[in-house]
PDB file of all heavy atoms in Angstrom:
ATOM      1  N   ILE A   1      95.546  91.240 102.053  1.00  0.00           N
ATOM      2  CA  ILE A   1      96.351  91.673 103.207  1.00  0.00           C
ATOM      3  C   ILE A   1      97.521  92.531 102.746  1.00  0.00           C
ATOM      4  O   ILE A   1      97.865  93.518 103.386  1.00  0.00           O
ATOM      5  CB  ILE A   1      96.815  90.475 104.070  1.00  0.00           C
ATOM      6  CG1 ILE A   1      97.465  90.981 105.359  1.00  0.00           C
ATOM      7  CG2 ILE A   1      97.765  89.577 103.326  1.00  0.00           C
ATOM      8  CD1 ILE A   1      97.780  89.893 106.356  1.00  0.00           C
ATOM      9  N   CYS A   2      98.127  92.181 101.619  1.00  0.00           N
ATOM     10  CA  CYS A   2      99.242  92.983 101.096  1.00  0.00           C
ATOM     11  C   CYS A   2      98.780  94.382 100.719  1.00  0.00           C
ATOM     12  O   CYS A   2      99.456  95.373 101.018  1.00  0.00           O
ATOM     13  CB  CYS A   2      99.883  92.289  99.900  1.00  0.00           C
ATOM     14  SG  CYS A   2     100.761  90.795 100.354  1.00  0.00           S
ATOM     15  N   GLN A   3      97.628  94.477 100.081  1.00  0.00           N
ATOM     16  CA  GLN A   3      97.109  95.792  99.715  1.00  0.00           C
ATOM     17  C   GLN A   3      96.838  96.629 100.958  1.00  0.00           C
ATOM     18  O   GLN A   3      97.168  97.808 100.994  1.00  0.00           O
ATOM     19  CB  GLN A   3      95.829  95.651  98.893  1.00  0.00           C
ATOM     20  CG  GLN A   3      96.066  95.177  97.482  1.00  0.00           C
ATOM     21  CD  GLN A   3      94.771  94.906  96.735  1.00  0.00           C
ATOM     22  OE1 GLN A   3      93.766  94.499  97.316  1.00  0.00           O
ATOM     23  NE2 GLN A   3      94.804  95.122  95.436  1.00  0.00           N
ATOM     24  N   LEU A   4      96.248  96.011 101.980  1.00  0.00           N
ATOM     25  CA  LEU A   4      95.961  96.757 103.210  1.00  0.00           C
ATOM     26  C   LEU A   4      97.241  97.235 103.888  1.00  0.00           C
ATOM     27  O   LEU A   4      97.318  98.371 104.347  1.00  0.00           O
ATOM     28  CB  LEU A   4      95.146  95.897 104.184  1.00  0.00           C
ATOM     29  CG  LEU A   4      93.690  95.664 103.804  1.00  0.00           C
ATOM     30  CD1 LEU A   4      93.053  94.627 104.720  1.00  0.00           C
ATOM     31  CD2 LEU A   4      92.903  96.967 103.862  1.00  0.00           C
ATOM     32  N   LEU A   5      98.254  96.383 103.936  1.00  0.00           N
ATOM     33  CA  LEU A   5      99.508  96.770 104.584  1.00  0.00           C
ATOM     34  C   LEU A   5     100.259  97.817 103.771  1.00  0.00           C
ATOM     35  O   LEU A   5     100.846  98.743 104.331  1.00  0.00           O
ATOM     36  CB  LEU A   5     100.398  95.543 104.804  1.00  0.00           C
ATOM     37  CG  LEU A   5      99.910  94.556 105.864  1.00  0.00           C
ATOM     38  CD1 LEU A   5     100.792  93.321 105.894  1.00  0.00           C
ATOM     39  CD2 LEU A   5      99.855  95.201 107.241  1.00  0.00           C
ATOM     40  N   MET A   6     100.226  97.681 102.458  1.00  0.00           N
ATOM     41  CA  MET A   6     100.986  98.610 101.614  1.00  0.00           C
ATOM     42  C   MET A   6     100.315  99.972 101.487  1.00  0.00           C
ATOM     43  O   MET A   6     100.989 100.974 101.310  1.00  0.00           O
ATOM     44  CB  MET A   6     101.205  98.011 100.234  1.00  0.00           C
ATOM     45  CG  MET A   6     102.199  96.891 100.237  1.00  0.00           C
ATOM     46  SD  MET A   6     102.417  96.273  98.561  1.00  0.00           S
ATOM     47  CE  MET A   6     103.883  95.294  98.765  1.00  0.00           C
ATOM     48  N   THR A   7      98.996  99.999 101.546  1.00  0.00           N
ATOM     49  CA  THR A   7      98.309 101.277 101.392  1.00  0.00           C
ATOM     50  C   THR A   7      98.120 101.997 102.720  1.00  0.00           C
ATOM     51  O   THR A   7      97.779 103.166 102.738  1.00  0.00           O
ATOM     52  CB  THR A   7      96.935 101.102 100.716  1.00  0.00           C
ATOM     53  OG1 THR A   7      96.152 100.197 101.486  1.00  0.00           O
ATOM     54  CG2 THR A   7      97.089 100.593  99.300  1.00  0.00           C
ATOM     55  N   SER A   8      98.358 101.302 103.809  1.00  0.00           N
ATOM     56  CA  SER A   8      98.240 101.935 105.123  1.00  0.00           C
ATOM     57  C   SER A   8      99.418 102.868 105.337  1.00  0.00           C
ATOM     58  O   SER A   8     100.550 102.561 104.971  1.00  0.00           O
ATOM     59  CB  SER A   8      98.221 100.860 106.209  1.00  0.00           C
ATOM     60  OG  SER A   8      98.342 101.459 107.469  1.00  0.00           O
ATOM     61  N   ASP A   9      99.144 104.004 105.958  1.00  0.00           N
ATOM     62  CA  ASP A   9     100.236 104.930 106.252  1.00  0.00           C
ATOM     63  C   ASP A   9     100.730 104.760 107.684  1.00  0.00           C
ATOM     64  O   ASP A   9     101.435 105.597 108.211  1.00  0.00           O
ATOM     65  CB  ASP A   9      99.810 106.373 105.989  1.00  0.00           C
ATOM     66  CG  ASP A   9      98.627 106.788 106.849  1.00  0.00           C
ATOM     67  OD1 ASP A   9      98.046 105.928 107.541  1.00  0.00           O
ATOM     68  OD2 ASP A   9      98.281 107.984 106.833  1.00  0.00           O
ATOM     69  N   VAL A  10     100.353 103.652 108.311  1.00  0.00           N
ATOM     70  CA  VAL A  10     100.715 103.399 109.703  1.00  0.00           C
ATOM     71  C   VAL A  10     102.206 103.136 109.859  1.00  0.00           C
ATOM     72  O   VAL A  10     102.840 103.626 110.775  1.00  0.00           O
ATOM     73  CB  VAL A  10      99.906 102.213 110.269  1.00  0.00           C
ATOM     74  CG1 VAL A  10     100.358 101.851 111.668  1.00  0.00           C
ATOM     75  CG2 VAL A  10      98.426 102.533 110.249  1.00  0.00           C
ATOM     76  N   ASP A  11     102.775 102.363 108.952  1.00  0.00           N
ATOM     77  CA  ASP A  11     104.184 102.011 109.054  1.00  0.00           C
ATOM     78  C   ASP A  11     104.923 102.436 107.799  1.00  0.00           C
ATOM     79  O   ASP A  11     104.970 101.699 106.814  1.00  0.00           O
ATOM     80  CB  ASP A  11     104.352 100.510 109.279  1.00  0.00           C
ATOM     81  CG  ASP A  11     105.792 100.111 109.530  1.00  0.00           C
ATOM     82  OD1 ASP A  11     106.672 100.994 109.550  1.00  0.00           O
ATOM     83  OD2 ASP A  11     106.049  98.916 109.707  1.00  0.00           O
ATOM     84  N   PRO A  12     105.525 103.622 107.810  1.00  0.00           N
ATOM     85  CA  PRO A  12     106.242 104.081 106.625  1.00  0.00           C
ATOM     86  C   PRO A  12     107.482 103.228 106.318  1.00  0.00           C
ATOM     87  O   PRO A  12     108.033 103.318 105.234  1.00  0.00           O
ATOM     88  CB  PRO A  12     106.641 105.519 106.971  1.00  0.00           C
ATOM     89  CG  PRO A  12     106.521 105.627 108.451  1.00  0.00           C
ATOM     90  CD  PRO A  12     105.525 104.592 108.890  1.00  0.00           C
ATOM     91  N   GLU A  13     107.881 102.377 107.249  1.00  0.00           N
ATOM     92  CA  GLU A  13     109.036 101.506 107.036  1.00  0.00           C
ATOM     93  C   GLU A  13     108.663 100.182 106.373  1.00  0.00           C
ATOM     94  O   GLU A  13     109.543  99.383 106.056  1.00  0.00           O
ATOM     95  CB  GLU A  13     109.740 101.227 108.371  1.00  0.00           C
ATOM     96  CG  GLU A  13     110.408 102.451 108.968  1.00  0.00           C
ATOM     97  CD  GLU A  13     111.468 103.036 108.054  1.00  0.00           C
ATOM     98  OE1 GLU A  13     112.292 102.270 107.526  1.00  0.00           O
ATOM     99  OE2 GLU A  13     111.455 104.263 107.849  1.00  0.00           O
ATOM    100  N   PHE A  14     107.371  99.923 106.160  1.00  0.00           N
ATOM    101  CA  PHE A  14     106.977  98.638 105.584  1.00  0.00           C
ATOM    102  C   PHE A  14     107.623  98.374 104.222  1.00  0.00           C
ATOM    103  O   PHE A  14     108.104  97.266 103.986  1.00  0.00           O
ATOM    104  CB  PHE A  14     105.456  98.491 105.491  1.00  0.00           C
ATOM    105  CG  PHE A  14     105.049  97.150 104.960  1.00  0.00           C
ATOM    106  CD1 PHE A  14     105.182  96.013 105.739  1.00  0.00           C
ATOM    107  CD2 PHE A  14     104.566  97.010 103.669  1.00  0.00           C
ATOM    108  CE1 PHE A  14     104.836  94.762 105.253  1.00  0.00           C
ATOM    109  CE2 PHE A  14     104.219  95.766 103.174  1.00  0.00           C
ATOM    110  CZ  PHE A  14     104.346  94.637 103.976  1.00  0.00           C
ATOM    111  N   PRO A  15     107.675  99.357 103.313  1.00  0.00           N
ATOM    112  CA  PRO A  15     108.354  99.089 102.035  1.00  0.00           C
ATOM    113  C   PRO A  15     109.800  98.624 102.227  1.00  0.00           C
ATOM    114  O   PRO A  15     110.250  97.686 101.571  1.00  0.00           O
ATOM    115  CB  PRO A  15     108.307 100.435 101.310  1.00  0.00           C
ATOM    116  CG  PRO A  15     107.155 101.149 101.906  1.00  0.00           C
ATOM    117  CD  PRO A  15     107.076 100.691 103.336  1.00  0.00           C
ATOM    118  N   THR A  16     110.505  99.255 103.162  1.00  0.00           N
ATOM    119  CA  THR A  16     111.888  98.861 103.431  1.00  0.00           C
ATOM    120  C   THR A  16     111.940  97.450 104.000  1.00  0.00           C
ATOM    121  O   THR A  16     112.780  96.637 103.606  1.00  0.00           O
ATOM    122  CB  THR A  16     112.549  99.852 104.419  1.00  0.00           C
ATOM    123  OG1 THR A  16     112.466 101.163 103.852  1.00  0.00           O
ATOM    124  CG2 THR A  16     113.987  99.493 104.693  1.00  0.00           C
ATOM    125  N   LYS A  17     111.031  97.150 104.922  1.00  0.00           N
ATOM    126  CA  LYS A  17     110.987  95.803 105.505  1.00  0.00           C
ATOM    127  C   LYS A  17     110.716  94.753 104.435  1.00  0.00           C
ATOM    128  O   LYS A  17     111.341  93.698 104.425  1.00  0.00           O
ATOM    129  CB  LYS A  17     109.908  95.721 106.584  1.00  0.00           C
ATOM    130  CG  LYS A  17     110.195  96.526 107.820  1.00  0.00           C
ATOM    131  CD  LYS A  17     109.023  96.469 108.771  1.00  0.00           C
ATOM    132  CE  LYS A  17     109.209  97.376 109.963  1.00  0.00           C
ATOM    133  NZ  LYS A  17     108.021  97.371 110.839  1.00  0.00           N
ATOM    134  N   LEU A  18     109.793  95.039 103.539  1.00  0.00           N
ATOM    135  CA  LEU A  18     109.453  94.085 102.486  1.00  0.00           C
ATOM    136  C   LEU A  18     110.611  93.912 101.511  1.00  0.00           C
ATOM    137  O   LEU A  18     110.982  92.790 101.175  1.00  0.00           O
ATOM    138  CB  LEU A  18     108.205  94.548 101.724  1.00  0.00           C
ATOM    139  CG  LEU A  18     107.796  93.684 100.529  1.00  0.00           C
ATOM    140  CD1 LEU A  18     107.389  92.286 100.985  1.00  0.00           C
ATOM    141  CD2 LEU A  18     106.673  94.335  99.761  1.00  0.00           C
ATOM    142  N   MET A  19     111.190  95.011 101.083  1.00  0.00           N
ATOM    143  CA  MET A  19     112.226  94.945 100.055  1.00  0.00           C
ATOM    144  C   MET A  19     113.592  94.526 100.604  1.00  0.00           C
ATOM    145  O   MET A  19     114.516  94.302  99.843  1.00  0.00           O
ATOM    146  CB  MET A  19     112.339  96.288  99.332  1.00  0.00           C
ATOM    147  CG  MET A  19     111.050  96.713  98.629  1.00  0.00           C
ATOM    148  SD  MET A  19     110.332  95.463  97.546  1.00  0.00           S
ATOM    149  CE  MET A  19     111.512  95.491  96.216  1.00  0.00           C
ATOM    150  N   SER A  20     113.713  94.407 101.923  1.00  0.00           N
ATOM    151  CA  SER A  20     114.997  93.982 102.487  1.00  0.00           C
ATOM    152  C   SER A  20     115.079  92.471 102.676  1.00  0.00           C
ATOM    153  O   SER A  20     115.994  91.978 103.328  1.00  0.00           O
ATOM    154  CB  SER A  20     115.257  94.690 103.820  1.00  0.00           C
ATOM    155  OG  SER A  20     114.329  94.253 104.793  1.00  0.00           O
ATOM    156  N   ARG A  21     114.164  91.735 102.071  1.00  0.00           N
ATOM    157  CA  ARG A  21     114.250  90.270 102.134  1.00  0.00           C
ATOM    158  C   ARG A  21     115.568  89.844 101.503  1.00  0.00           C
ATOM    159  O   ARG A  21     116.038  90.452 100.536  1.00  0.00           O
ATOM    160  CB  ARG A  21     113.098  89.591 101.401  1.00  0.00           C
ATOM    161  CG  ARG A  21     111.669  89.924 101.739  1.00  0.00           C
ATOM    162  CD  ARG A  21     111.225  90.386 103.069  1.00  0.00           C
ATOM    163  NE  ARG A  21     111.642  89.812 104.308  1.00  0.00           N
ATOM    164  CZ  ARG A  21     111.737  90.533 105.430  1.00  0.00           C
ATOM    165  NH1 ARG A  21     111.470  91.806 105.429  1.00  0.00           N
ATOM    166  NH2 ARG A  21     112.101  89.966 106.550  1.00  0.00           N
ATOM    167  N   THR A  22     116.166  88.816 102.023  1.00  0.00           N
ATOM    168  CA  THR A  22     117.496  88.370 101.610  1.00  0.00           C
ATOM    169  C   THR A  22     117.599  88.115 100.114  1.00  0.00           C
ATOM    170  O   THR A  22     118.577  88.511  99.473  1.00  0.00           O
ATOM    171  CB  THR A  22     117.880  87.094 102.380  1.00  0.00           C
ATOM    172  OG1 THR A  22     117.776  87.370 103.777  1.00  0.00           O
ATOM    173  CG2 THR A  22     119.283  86.652 102.053  1.00  0.00           C
ATOM    174  N   SER A  23     116.610  87.481  99.519  1.00  0.00           N
ATOM    175  CA  SER A  23     116.671  87.166  98.087  1.00  0.00           C
ATOM    176  C   SER A  23     116.703  88.427  97.229  1.00  0.00           C
ATOM    177  O   SER A  23     117.393  88.477  96.220  1.00  0.00           O
ATOM    178  CB  SER A  23     115.475  86.308  97.682  1.00  0.00           C
ATOM    179  OG  SER A  23     115.524  85.078  98.346  1.00  0.00           O
ATOM    180  N   ILE A  24     115.952  89.420  97.630  1.00  0.00           N
ATOM    181  CA  ILE A  24     115.937  90.676  96.879  1.00  0.00           C
ATOM    182  C   ILE A  24     117.287  91.374  97.038  1.00  0.00           C
ATOM    183  O   ILE A  24     117.879  91.847  96.061  1.00  0.00           O
ATOM    184  CB  ILE A  24     114.786  91.583  97.354  1.00  0.00           C
ATOM    185  CG1 ILE A  24     113.446  90.924  97.040  1.00  0.00           C
ATOM    186  CG2 ILE A  24     114.882  92.967  96.719  1.00  0.00           C
ATOM    187  CD1 ILE A  24     112.264  91.620  97.644  1.00  0.00           C
ATOM    188  N   GLN A  25     117.783  91.419  98.260  1.00  0.00           N
ATOM    189  CA  GLN A  25     119.057  92.071  98.524  1.00  0.00           C
ATOM    190  C   GLN A  25     120.201  91.405  97.761  1.00  0.00           C
ATOM    191  O   GLN A  25     121.060  92.087  97.207  1.00  0.00           O
ATOM    192  CB  GLN A  25     119.362  92.056 100.022  1.00  0.00           C
ATOM    193  CG  GLN A  25     118.475  92.974 100.821  1.00  0.00           C
ATOM    194  CD  GLN A  25     118.658  94.429 100.465  1.00  0.00           C
ATOM    195  OE1 GLN A  25     119.760  94.910 100.241  1.00  0.00           O
ATOM    196  NE2 GLN A  25     117.561  95.148 100.382  1.00  0.00           N
ATOM    197  N   SER A  26     120.201  90.075  97.718  1.00  0.00           N
ATOM    198  CA  SER A  26     121.307  89.393  97.034  1.00  0.00           C
ATOM    199  C   SER A  26     121.287  89.659  95.532  1.00  0.00           C
ATOM    200  O   SER A  26     122.338  89.785  94.899  1.00  0.00           O
ATOM    201  CB  SER A  26     121.294  87.890  97.321  1.00  0.00           C
ATOM    202  OG  SER A  26     120.115  87.303  96.830  1.00  0.00           O
ATOM    203  N   THR A  27     120.099  89.774  94.952  1.00  0.00           N
ATOM    204  CA  THR A  27     119.999  90.101  93.530  1.00  0.00           C
ATOM    205  C   THR A  27     120.561  91.492  93.264  1.00  0.00           C
ATOM    206  O   THR A  27     121.316  91.707  92.311  1.00  0.00           O
ATOM    207  CB  THR A  27     118.526  90.033  93.061  1.00  0.00           C
ATOM    208  OG1 THR A  27     118.019  88.732  93.327  1.00  0.00           O
ATOM    209  CG2 THR A  27     118.388  90.351  91.590  1.00  0.00           C
ATOM    210  N   ILE A  28     120.225  92.441  94.119  1.00  0.00           N
ATOM    211  CA  ILE A  28     120.724  93.803  93.955  1.00  0.00           C
ATOM    212  C   ILE A  28     122.221  93.867  94.246  1.00  0.00           C
ATOM    213  O   ILE A  28     122.977  94.517  93.522  1.00  0.00           O
ATOM    214  CB  ILE A  28     119.932  94.781  94.842  1.00  0.00           C
ATOM    215  CG1 ILE A  28     118.513  94.917  94.291  1.00  0.00           C
ATOM    216  CG2 ILE A  28     120.610  96.143  94.917  1.00  0.00           C
ATOM    217  CD1 ILE A  28     117.598  95.757  95.114  1.00  0.00           C
ATOM    218  N   ASP A  29     122.676  93.165  95.285  1.00  0.00           N
ATOM    219  CA  ASP A  29     124.110  93.165  95.622  1.00  0.00           C
ATOM    220  C   ASP A  29     124.955  92.702  94.448  1.00  0.00           C
ATOM    221  O   ASP A  29     126.005  93.274  94.168  1.00  0.00           O
ATOM    222  CB  ASP A  29     124.384  92.258  96.831  1.00  0.00           C
ATOM    223  CG  ASP A  29     123.901  92.865  98.131  1.00  0.00           C
ATOM    224  OD1 ASP A  29     123.635  94.081  98.157  1.00  0.00           O
ATOM    225  OD2 ASP A  29     123.775  92.110  99.117  1.00  0.00           O
ATOM    226  N   GLU A  30     124.475  91.671  93.793  1.00  0.00           N
ATOM    227  CA  GLU A  30     125.223  91.140  92.648  1.00  0.00           C
ATOM    228  C   GLU A  30     125.341  92.193  91.547  1.00  0.00           C
ATOM    229  O   GLU A  30     126.377  92.352  90.928  1.00  0.00           O
ATOM    230  CB  GLU A  30     124.512  89.895  92.124  1.00  0.00           C
ATOM    231  CG  GLU A  30     125.303  89.140  91.094  1.00  0.00           C
ATOM    232  CD  GLU A  30     124.599  87.857  90.710  1.00  0.00           C
ATOM    233  OE1 GLU A  30     124.198  87.098  91.596  1.00  0.00           O
ATOM    234  OE2 GLU A  30     124.457  87.629  89.494  1.00  0.00           O
TER     235      GLU A  30
END
């Protein structure tokens, strides 16, 4: 399912949605 969602060009915002998870953001914020 991840491969299908990531390789689809339907939602160009999906990478942003995935990478904006709180845990990822807090690691980068630090």
